[in-house]
Amino acid sequence: MTATAPPARSSPTSRDRPLPALPFCSARSRRTPGSRTTERCDAGVVTAFRLFLHILAASVWVGGQIVMAGILPTTRRLEPESRVAVATAFGRVAWIGLAVAVLTGLWNVMAIPMDELPHPWVEVHLLAVLVTAAGAFLQTIARGRPALLAVGGTTAALGAIAAMYLGVLVTINVA
């Protein structure tokens, strides 16, 4: 008995179908390597990654501020050493989030032509980032002084929330 070839399929398999287009890439750009549309698609992928990193880092920073405000009453019932341990653990994660948010924020601004920056929102956003960093720095140097901790925490949290909202305004280019 001789082997026969399997019958031809009338519809393509999943391996035969092209990958779906990303929202910022057209189907044509995927088929023409080296074309301008492919370059725009590649730039779109980089832009999406850059914005993702920025939003993730800002969420860690701002979300961490909100979480700390929520658990603060519970930490007051702990021993002072435990409160310091909680604050130190938060700082390890939060400062990295702020650093990545600042770096990706600068990357975001450099990706926009200077004449297309939404002034004055970019400057106001930068001011809010500086306010949140200053508040966090106050908390770092407070060394247990309740008034300085409160001022620093409030300044950092309000600055962070303002920076996040202003970042949305800059992203949608409200100018």
N, C-alpha and C. Protein backbone atom coordinates (compact mmCIF):
# COMPACT_ATOMS: atom_id res chain seq x y z
N MET A 1 0.84 -1.16 0.00
CA MET A 1 0.00 0.00 0.00
C MET A 1 0.89 1.24 0.00
N THR A 2 0.58 2.19 -0.82
CA THR A 2 1.37 3.41 -0.91
C THR A 2 0.72 4.50 -0.07
N ALA A 3 1.58 5.36 0.48
CA ALA A 3 1.08 6.48 1.30
C ALA A 3 0.58 7.58 0.39
N THR A 4 -0.51 8.15 0.79
CA THR A 4 -1.04 9.26 0.01
C THR A 4 -0.86 10.55 0.79
N ALA A 5 -0.76 11.63 0.10
CA ALA A 5 -0.60 12.95 0.74
C ALA A 5 -1.92 13.33 1.40
N PRO A 6 -1.85 14.04 2.52
CA PRO A 6 -3.09 14.48 3.16
C PRO A 6 -3.83 15.44 2.24
N PRO A 7 -5.13 15.48 2.38
CA PRO A 7 -5.90 16.37 1.50
C PRO A 7 -5.53 17.83 1.75
N ALA A 8 -5.57 18.61 0.69
CA ALA A 8 -5.25 20.04 0.79
C ALA A 8 -6.34 20.73 1.61
N ARG A 9 -5.91 21.64 2.44
CA ARG A 9 -6.88 22.39 3.25
C ARG A 9 -7.37 23.59 2.46
N SER A 10 -8.64 23.86 2.62
CA SER A 10 -9.21 24.99 1.89
C SER A 10 -8.99 26.30 2.64
N SER A 11 -8.82 26.23 3.97
CA SER A 11 -8.59 27.47 4.73
C SER A 11 -7.20 27.41 5.34
N PRO A 12 -6.55 28.56 5.48
CA PRO A 12 -5.19 28.55 6.02
C PRO A 12 -5.18 28.19 7.50
N THR A 13 -4.10 27.56 7.92
CA THR A 13 -3.95 27.25 9.34
C THR A 13 -3.47 28.51 10.06
N SER A 14 -3.42 28.44 11.37
CA SER A 14 -2.97 29.60 12.14
C SER A 14 -1.53 29.96 11.81
N ARG A 15 -0.72 28.96 11.42
CA ARG A 15 0.66 29.25 11.04
C ARG A 15 0.74 29.98 9.71
N ASP A 16 -0.25 29.81 8.84
CA ASP A 16 -0.23 30.43 7.52
C ASP A 16 -0.75 31.86 7.55
N ARG A 17 -1.54 32.20 8.56
CA ARG A 17 -2.13 33.54 8.62
C ARG A 17 -1.12 34.54 9.14
N PRO A 18 -1.13 35.78 8.61
CA PRO A 18 -0.22 36.79 9.13
C PRO A 18 -0.64 37.20 10.54
N LEU A 19 0.34 37.68 11.30
CA LEU A 19 0.04 38.17 12.64
C LEU A 19 -0.86 39.39 12.55
N PRO A 20 -1.75 39.57 13.52
CA PRO A 20 -2.60 40.76 13.48
C PRO A 20 -1.75 42.01 13.67
N ALA A 21 -2.21 43.10 13.09
CA ALA A 21 -1.49 44.36 13.18
C ALA A 21 -1.64 44.96 14.57
N LEU A 22 -0.56 45.55 15.05
CA LEU A 22 -0.67 46.32 16.28
C LEU A 22 -1.43 47.59 15.97
N PRO A 23 -2.07 48.22 16.94
CA PRO A 23 -2.89 49.40 16.66
C PRO A 23 -2.14 50.50 15.94
N PHE A 24 -0.84 50.63 16.16
CA PHE A 24 -0.09 51.70 15.53
C PHE A 24 0.69 51.23 14.31
N CYS A 25 0.47 49.98 13.85
CA CYS A 25 1.16 49.45 12.67
C CYS A 25 0.13 49.00 11.65
N SER A 26 0.30 49.44 10.43
CA SER A 26 -0.64 48.99 9.40
C SER A 26 -0.19 47.64 8.86
N ALA A 27 -1.10 46.93 8.25
CA ALA A 27 -0.76 45.63 7.66
C ALA A 27 0.30 45.81 6.59
N ARG A 28 0.24 46.91 5.83
CA ARG A 28 1.21 47.16 4.77
C ARG A 28 2.62 47.30 5.35
N SER A 29 2.74 47.95 6.51
CA SER A 29 4.07 48.18 7.07
C SER A 29 4.74 46.88 7.47
N ARG A 30 3.97 45.85 7.78
CA ARG A 30 4.56 44.57 8.17
C ARG A 30 5.10 43.82 6.96
N ARG A 31 4.60 44.16 5.76
CA ARG A 31 4.99 43.41 4.58
C ARG A 31 6.11 44.06 3.78
N THR A 32 6.48 45.28 4.13
CA THR A 32 7.48 45.97 3.34
C THR A 32 8.66 46.39 4.21
N PRO A 33 9.56 45.44 4.49
CA PRO A 33 10.72 45.77 5.32
C PRO A 33 11.53 46.90 4.71
N GLY A 34 12.00 47.80 5.56
CA GLY A 34 12.81 48.92 5.09
C GLY A 34 12.02 50.10 4.61
N SER A 35 10.70 49.98 4.55
CA SER A 35 9.90 51.10 4.07
C SER A 35 9.70 52.12 5.18
N ARG A 36 9.25 53.30 4.82
CA ARG A 36 8.98 54.33 5.82
C ARG A 36 7.89 53.89 6.78
N THR A 37 6.90 53.17 6.29
CA THR A 37 5.82 52.74 7.18
C THR A 37 6.34 51.74 8.21
N THR A 38 7.30 50.91 7.81
CA THR A 38 7.89 49.98 8.77
C THR A 38 8.66 50.74 9.83
N GLU A 39 9.39 51.79 9.41
CA GLU A 39 10.11 52.60 10.38
C GLU A 39 9.15 53.24 11.37
N ARG A 40 8.01 53.73 10.87
CA ARG A 40 7.00 54.31 11.76
C ARG A 40 6.45 53.25 12.70
N CYS A 41 6.26 52.03 12.19
CA CYS A 41 5.76 50.95 13.03
C CYS A 41 6.77 50.63 14.13
N ASP A 42 8.05 50.56 13.76
CA ASP A 42 9.09 50.32 14.75
C ASP A 42 9.11 51.44 15.79
N ALA A 43 8.98 52.67 15.34
CA ALA A 43 8.93 53.81 16.26
C ALA A 43 7.71 53.70 17.16
N GLY A 44 6.60 53.20 16.62
CA GLY A 44 5.40 53.03 17.44
C GLY A 44 5.60 52.00 18.52
N VAL A 45 6.32 50.94 18.22
CA VAL A 45 6.60 49.91 19.23
C VAL A 45 7.49 50.49 20.33
N VAL A 46 8.49 51.25 19.95
CA VAL A 46 9.37 51.87 20.94
C VAL A 46 8.60 52.86 21.78
N THR A 47 7.75 53.66 21.14
CA THR A 47 6.93 54.64 21.87
C THR A 47 6.02 53.93 22.87
N ALA A 48 5.39 52.86 22.44
CA ALA A 48 4.50 52.12 23.34
C ALA A 48 5.29 51.56 24.53
N PHE A 49 6.47 51.02 24.28
CA PHE A 49 7.29 50.50 25.36
C PHE A 49 7.72 51.61 26.31
N ARG A 50 8.14 52.74 25.76
CA ARG A 50 8.57 53.87 26.58
C ARG A 50 7.43 54.37 27.45
N LEU A 51 6.26 54.51 26.88
CA LEU A 51 5.09 54.96 27.66
C LEU A 51 4.69 53.92 28.70
N PHE A 52 4.76 52.64 28.35
CA PHE A 52 4.45 51.58 29.30
C PHE A 52 5.38 51.65 30.51
N LEU A 53 6.69 51.77 30.26
CA LEU A 53 7.64 51.87 31.36
C LEU A 53 7.35 53.09 32.24
N HIS A 54 7.04 54.20 31.58
CA HIS A 54 6.78 55.42 32.33
C HIS A 54 5.53 55.29 33.20
N ILE A 55 4.48 54.75 32.64
CA ILE A 55 3.23 54.58 33.40
C ILE A 55 3.42 53.57 34.52
N LEU A 56 4.14 52.49 34.26
CA LEU A 56 4.41 51.50 35.30
C LEU A 56 5.19 52.12 36.45
N ALA A 57 6.25 52.85 36.13
CA ALA A 57 7.07 53.48 37.18
C ALA A 57 6.27 54.53 37.95
N ALA A 58 5.50 55.34 37.24
CA ALA A 58 4.68 56.35 37.91
C ALA A 58 3.62 55.69 38.79
N SER A 59 3.09 54.57 38.35
CA SER A 59 2.10 53.85 39.16
C SER A 59 2.74 53.31 40.44
N VAL A 60 3.97 52.82 40.34
CA VAL A 60 4.67 52.33 41.53
C VAL A 60 4.86 53.49 42.51
N TRP A 61 5.29 54.63 42.00
CA TRP A 61 5.55 55.79 42.86
C TRP A 61 4.25 56.33 43.46
N VAL A 62 3.30 56.66 42.61
CA VAL A 62 2.04 57.26 43.09
C VAL A 62 1.22 56.24 43.87
N GLY A 63 1.10 55.04 43.33
CA GLY A 63 0.34 54.00 44.03
C GLY A 63 0.95 53.67 45.38
N GLY A 64 2.27 53.67 45.43
CA GLY A 64 2.95 53.42 46.70
C GLY A 64 2.63 54.49 47.73
N GLN A 65 2.57 55.73 47.29
CA GLN A 65 2.21 56.82 48.20
C GLN A 65 0.81 56.61 48.77
N ILE A 66 -0.11 56.21 47.91
CA ILE A 66 -1.49 55.99 48.34
C ILE A 66 -1.57 54.79 49.28
N VAL A 67 -0.87 53.72 48.96
CA VAL A 67 -0.86 52.53 49.83
C VAL A 67 -0.26 52.88 51.19
N MET A 68 0.84 53.62 51.20
CA MET A 68 1.45 54.00 52.47
C MET A 68 0.49 54.84 53.31
N ALA A 69 -0.25 55.74 52.68
CA ALA A 69 -1.24 56.54 53.41
C ALA A 69 -2.32 55.63 54.01
N GLY A 70 -2.66 54.57 53.30
CA GLY A 70 -3.68 53.64 53.78
C GLY A 70 -3.21 52.76 54.93
N ILE A 71 -1.93 52.39 54.93
CA ILE A 71 -1.44 51.50 55.99
C ILE A 71 -0.80 52.26 57.15
N LEU A 72 -0.67 53.57 57.02
CA LEU A 72 -0.04 54.36 58.08
C LEU A 72 -0.70 54.17 59.44
N PRO A 73 -2.04 54.18 59.55
CA PRO A 73 -2.65 53.96 60.86
C PRO A 73 -2.27 52.61 61.48
N THR A 74 -2.13 51.59 60.66
CA THR A 74 -1.75 50.27 61.16
C THR A 74 -0.31 50.27 61.65
N THR A 75 0.57 50.95 60.94
CA THR A 75 1.98 50.95 61.35
C THR A 75 2.20 51.72 62.64
N ARG A 76 1.29 52.61 62.99
CA ARG A 76 1.44 53.34 64.26
C ARG A 76 1.31 52.39 65.47
N ARG A 77 0.62 51.28 65.29
CA ARG A 77 0.47 50.31 66.37
C ARG A 77 1.69 49.40 66.50
N LEU A 78 2.60 49.44 65.55
CA LEU A 78 3.79 48.60 65.57
C LEU A 78 4.90 49.26 66.39
N GLU A 79 5.85 48.48 66.73
CA GLU A 79 7.04 49.00 67.41
C GLU A 79 7.77 49.96 66.46
N PRO A 80 8.48 50.94 67.01
CA PRO A 80 9.20 51.89 66.14
C PRO A 80 10.13 51.21 65.14
N GLU A 81 10.79 50.13 65.55
CA GLU A 81 11.70 49.44 64.63
C GLU A 81 10.93 48.85 63.44
N SER A 82 9.72 48.38 63.72
CA SER A 82 8.90 47.81 62.65
C SER A 82 8.46 48.89 61.67
N ARG A 83 8.11 50.05 62.19
CA ARG A 83 7.71 51.16 61.32
C ARG A 83 8.87 51.57 60.42
N VAL A 84 10.06 51.62 60.97
CA VAL A 84 11.24 51.96 60.19
C VAL A 84 11.47 50.91 59.11
N ALA A 85 11.29 49.64 59.46
CA ALA A 85 11.48 48.56 58.48
C ALA A 85 10.48 48.68 57.33
N VAL A 86 9.22 49.01 57.64
CA VAL A 86 8.20 49.19 56.60
C VAL A 86 8.57 50.36 55.70
N ALA A 87 8.96 51.47 56.30
CA ALA A 87 9.33 52.65 55.52
C ALA A 87 10.55 52.38 54.64
N THR A 88 11.52 51.66 55.17
CA THR A 88 12.73 51.34 54.41
C THR A 88 12.40 50.43 53.22
N ALA A 89 11.54 49.43 53.47
CA ALA A 89 11.15 48.52 52.38
C ALA A 89 10.39 49.28 51.29
N PHE A 90 9.50 50.18 51.71
CA PHE A 90 8.77 51.00 50.73
C PHE A 90 9.75 51.86 49.93
N GLY A 91 10.70 52.47 50.62
CA GLY A 91 11.67 53.34 49.96
C GLY A 91 12.48 52.63 48.90
N ARG A 92 12.84 51.37 49.16
CA ARG A 92 13.63 50.62 48.18
C ARG A 92 12.88 50.50 46.85
N VAL A 93 11.59 50.28 46.92
CA VAL A 93 10.79 50.13 45.70
C VAL A 93 10.41 51.50 45.13
N ALA A 94 9.99 52.40 45.99
CA ALA A 94 9.46 53.69 45.54
C ALA A 94 10.52 54.56 44.88
N TRP A 95 11.73 54.63 45.45
CA TRP A 95 12.76 55.47 44.84
C TRP A 95 13.15 54.96 43.46
N ILE A 96 13.14 53.65 43.28
CA ILE A 96 13.41 53.10 41.94
C ILE A 96 12.29 53.51 40.98
N GLY A 97 11.05 53.42 41.45
CA GLY A 97 9.92 53.85 40.62
C GLY A 97 10.04 55.31 40.22
N LEU A 98 10.40 56.17 41.18
CA LEU A 98 10.55 57.60 40.86
C LEU A 98 11.69 57.81 39.88
N ALA A 99 12.82 57.14 40.08
CA ALA A 99 13.96 57.30 39.18
C ALA A 99 13.61 56.87 37.75
N VAL A 100 12.95 55.72 37.63
CA VAL A 100 12.56 55.25 36.29
C VAL A 100 11.53 56.19 35.67
N ALA A 101 10.60 56.69 36.47
CA ALA A 101 9.60 57.64 35.96
C ALA A 101 10.27 58.92 35.46
N VAL A 102 11.25 59.42 36.21
CA VAL A 102 11.95 60.64 35.78
C VAL A 102 12.73 60.38 34.49
N LEU A 103 13.47 59.28 34.44
CA LEU A 103 14.26 58.97 33.23
C LEU A 103 13.38 58.76 32.01
N THR A 104 12.31 57.98 32.17
CA THR A 104 11.43 57.77 31.01
C THR A 104 10.65 59.03 30.68
N GLY A 105 10.38 59.87 31.68
CA GLY A 105 9.73 61.15 31.41
C GLY A 105 10.62 62.05 30.56
N LEU A 106 11.90 62.09 30.89
CA LEU A 106 12.85 62.86 30.06
C LEU A 106 12.92 62.28 28.66
N TRP A 107 12.91 60.96 28.57
CA TRP A 107 12.92 60.29 27.26
C TRP A 107 11.66 60.68 26.48
N ASN A 108 10.52 60.72 27.16
CA ASN A 108 9.27 61.12 26.51
C ASN A 108 9.36 62.53 25.96
N VAL A 109 9.89 63.45 26.75
CA VAL A 109 9.99 64.85 26.31
C VAL A 109 10.96 64.96 25.14
N MET A 110 12.09 64.24 25.19
CA MET A 110 13.06 64.31 24.10
C MET A 110 12.52 63.70 22.80
N ALA A 111 11.50 62.86 22.90
CA ALA A 111 10.93 62.23 21.71
C ALA A 111 9.98 63.17 20.97
N ILE A 112 9.65 64.29 21.59
CA ILE A 112 8.72 65.24 20.98
C ILE A 112 9.51 66.42 20.44
N PRO A 113 9.27 66.83 19.19
CA PRO A 113 9.96 68.02 18.69
C PRO A 113 9.65 69.23 19.58
N MET A 114 10.64 70.07 19.80
CA MET A 114 10.52 71.19 20.73
C MET A 114 9.32 72.09 20.42
N ASP A 115 9.05 72.30 19.15
CA ASP A 115 7.93 73.18 18.80
C ASP A 115 6.57 72.51 18.98
N GLU A 116 6.55 71.22 19.27
CA GLU A 116 5.29 70.51 19.49
C GLU A 116 5.02 70.21 20.96
N LEU A 117 5.94 70.60 21.85
CA LEU A 117 5.72 70.36 23.28
C LEU A 117 4.53 71.19 23.76
N PRO A 118 3.66 70.57 24.56
CA PRO A 118 2.48 71.30 25.04
C PRO A 118 2.84 72.23 26.21
N HIS A 119 3.28 73.44 25.86
CA HIS A 119 3.61 74.43 26.88
C HIS A 119 2.32 75.06 27.39
N PRO A 120 2.13 75.39 28.63
CA PRO A 120 3.06 75.30 29.76
C PRO A 120 2.91 73.99 30.53
N TRP A 121 2.15 73.03 29.99
CA TRP A 121 1.87 71.80 30.74
C TRP A 121 3.12 70.99 31.05
N VAL A 122 4.08 70.98 30.14
CA VAL A 122 5.32 70.23 30.39
C VAL A 122 6.04 70.83 31.59
N GLU A 123 6.11 72.15 31.64
CA GLU A 123 6.81 72.82 32.73
C GLU A 123 6.08 72.63 34.06
N VAL A 124 4.75 72.72 34.05
CA VAL A 124 3.97 72.53 35.27
C VAL A 124 4.10 71.07 35.74
N HIS A 125 4.12 70.14 34.80
CA HIS A 125 4.32 68.73 35.14
C HIS A 125 5.69 68.53 35.80
N LEU A 126 6.72 69.13 35.24
CA LEU A 126 8.05 69.03 35.82
C LEU A 126 8.07 69.62 37.23
N LEU A 127 7.38 70.72 37.43
CA LEU A 127 7.30 71.33 38.76
C LEU A 127 6.65 70.36 39.76
N ALA A 128 5.58 69.69 39.34
CA ALA A 128 4.91 68.73 40.22
C ALA A 128 5.83 67.56 40.56
N VAL A 129 6.63 67.11 39.60
CA VAL A 129 7.60 66.04 39.86
C VAL A 129 8.64 66.51 40.87
N LEU A 130 9.10 67.74 40.73
CA LEU A 130 10.07 68.28 41.69
C LEU A 130 9.46 68.42 43.08
N VAL A 131 8.18 68.80 43.15
CA VAL A 131 7.49 68.91 44.44
C VAL A 131 7.39 67.54 45.11
N THR A 132 7.02 66.52 44.37
CA THR A 132 6.91 65.18 44.96
C THR A 132 8.28 64.67 45.41
N ALA A 133 9.32 64.94 44.62
CA ALA A 133 10.66 64.52 45.02
C ALA A 133 11.12 65.27 46.28
N ALA A 134 10.81 66.56 46.35
CA ALA A 134 11.18 67.35 47.54
C ALA A 134 10.45 66.83 48.78
N GLY A 135 9.16 66.50 48.64
CA GLY A 135 8.41 65.95 49.77
C GLY A 135 8.99 64.62 50.22
N ALA A 136 9.37 63.79 49.28
CA ALA A 136 9.96 62.50 49.62
C ALA A 136 11.32 62.69 50.30
N PHE A 137 12.07 63.67 49.83
CA PHE A 137 13.36 63.96 50.45
C PHE A 137 13.16 64.43 51.90
N LEU A 138 12.14 65.28 52.13
CA LEU A 138 11.84 65.71 53.50
C LEU A 138 11.55 64.52 54.40
N GLN A 139 10.79 63.57 53.89
CA GLN A 139 10.51 62.37 54.68
C GLN A 139 11.78 61.59 54.98
N THR A 140 12.68 61.55 54.03
CA THR A 140 13.92 60.80 54.22
C THR A 140 14.79 61.42 55.31
N ILE A 141 14.82 62.75 55.39
CA ILE A 141 15.68 63.40 56.39
C ILE A 141 14.96 63.70 57.70
N ALA A 142 13.67 63.36 57.80
CA ALA A 142 12.87 63.69 58.98
C ALA A 142 13.38 63.02 60.25
N ARG A 143 13.93 61.84 60.16
CA ARG A 143 14.49 61.11 61.30
C ARG A 143 13.55 61.08 62.51
N GLY A 144 12.30 60.73 62.24
CA GLY A 144 11.36 60.55 63.34
C GLY A 144 10.65 61.81 63.81
N ARG A 145 10.93 62.95 63.22
CA ARG A 145 10.24 64.18 63.62
C ARG A 145 8.87 64.19 62.96
N PRO A 146 7.81 64.06 63.76
CA PRO A 146 6.45 63.90 63.22
C PRO A 146 6.00 65.01 62.29
N ALA A 147 6.29 66.25 62.62
CA ALA A 147 5.84 67.36 61.78
C ALA A 147 6.49 67.30 60.40
N LEU A 148 7.79 67.04 60.36
CA LEU A 148 8.50 66.96 59.08
C LEU A 148 8.06 65.74 58.27
N LEU A 149 7.79 64.63 58.97
CA LEU A 149 7.25 63.45 58.29
C LEU A 149 5.90 63.75 57.65
N ALA A 150 5.04 64.45 58.40
CA ALA A 150 3.70 64.77 57.89
C ALA A 150 3.77 65.72 56.70
N VAL A 151 4.58 66.77 56.82
CA VAL A 151 4.71 67.73 55.72
C VAL A 151 5.30 67.04 54.49
N GLY A 152 6.36 66.27 54.70
CA GLY A 152 6.99 65.57 53.59
C GLY A 152 6.06 64.57 52.93
N GLY A 153 5.34 63.79 53.74
CA GLY A 153 4.43 62.80 53.18
C GLY A 153 3.29 63.43 52.40
N THR A 154 2.72 64.49 52.96
CA THR A 154 1.62 65.17 52.27
C THR A 154 2.10 65.81 50.97
N THR A 155 3.25 66.46 51.04
CA THR A 155 3.81 67.11 49.85
C THR A 155 4.13 66.07 48.77
N ALA A 156 4.74 64.96 49.17
CA ALA A 156 5.10 63.92 48.20
C ALA A 156 3.86 63.32 47.56
N ALA A 157 2.85 63.03 48.37
CA ALA A 157 1.64 62.39 47.84
C ALA A 157 0.86 63.33 46.92
N LEU A 158 0.64 64.56 47.36
CA LEU A 158 -0.11 65.51 46.53
C LEU A 158 0.66 65.86 45.26
N GLY A 159 1.98 66.02 45.39
CA GLY A 159 2.79 66.28 44.20
C GLY A 159 2.75 65.12 43.23
N ALA A 160 2.76 63.90 43.76
CA ALA A 160 2.72 62.71 42.90
C ALA A 160 1.40 62.61 42.15
N ILE A 161 0.31 62.85 42.85
CA ILE A 161 -1.01 62.79 42.20
C ILE A 161 -1.12 63.88 41.14
N ALA A 162 -0.66 65.09 41.48
CA ALA A 162 -0.68 66.19 40.50
C ALA A 162 0.19 65.86 39.30
N ALA A 163 1.37 65.30 39.55
CA ALA A 163 2.27 64.95 38.45
C ALA A 163 1.64 63.91 37.53
N MET A 164 0.95 62.94 38.11
CA MET A 164 0.32 61.92 37.28
C MET A 164 -0.78 62.53 36.40
N TYR A 165 -1.61 63.39 36.99
CA TYR A 165 -2.67 64.03 36.20
C TYR A 165 -2.07 64.93 35.12
N LEU A 166 -1.08 65.71 35.48
CA LEU A 166 -0.44 66.59 34.50
C LEU A 166 0.24 65.78 33.41
N GLY A 167 0.77 64.61 33.76
CA GLY A 167 1.35 63.74 32.75
C GLY A 167 0.33 63.30 31.71
N VAL A 168 -0.90 63.09 32.17
CA VAL A 168 -1.97 62.75 31.22
C VAL A 168 -2.23 63.94 30.30
N LEU A 169 -2.28 65.14 30.87
CA LEU A 169 -2.50 66.34 30.04
C LEU A 169 -1.40 66.52 29.00
N VAL A 170 -0.15 66.27 29.40
CA VAL A 170 0.97 66.38 28.46
C VAL A 170 0.84 65.32 27.38
N THR A 171 0.47 64.10 27.77
CA THR A 171 0.39 62.99 26.81
C THR A 171 -0.69 63.24 25.75
N ILE A 172 -1.82 63.78 26.18
CA ILE A 172 -2.89 64.02 25.19
C ILE A 172 -2.71 65.35 24.50
N ASN A 173 -1.63 66.07 24.87
CA ASN A 173 -1.24 67.31 24.22
C ASN A 173 -2.37 68.33 24.21
N VAL A 174 -2.71 68.82 25.41
CA VAL A 174 -3.85 69.74 25.56
C VAL A 174 -3.55 71.16 25.11
N ALA A 175 -2.30 71.44 24.73
CA ALA A 175 -1.94 72.81 24.36
C ALA A 175 -2.71 73.28 23.15
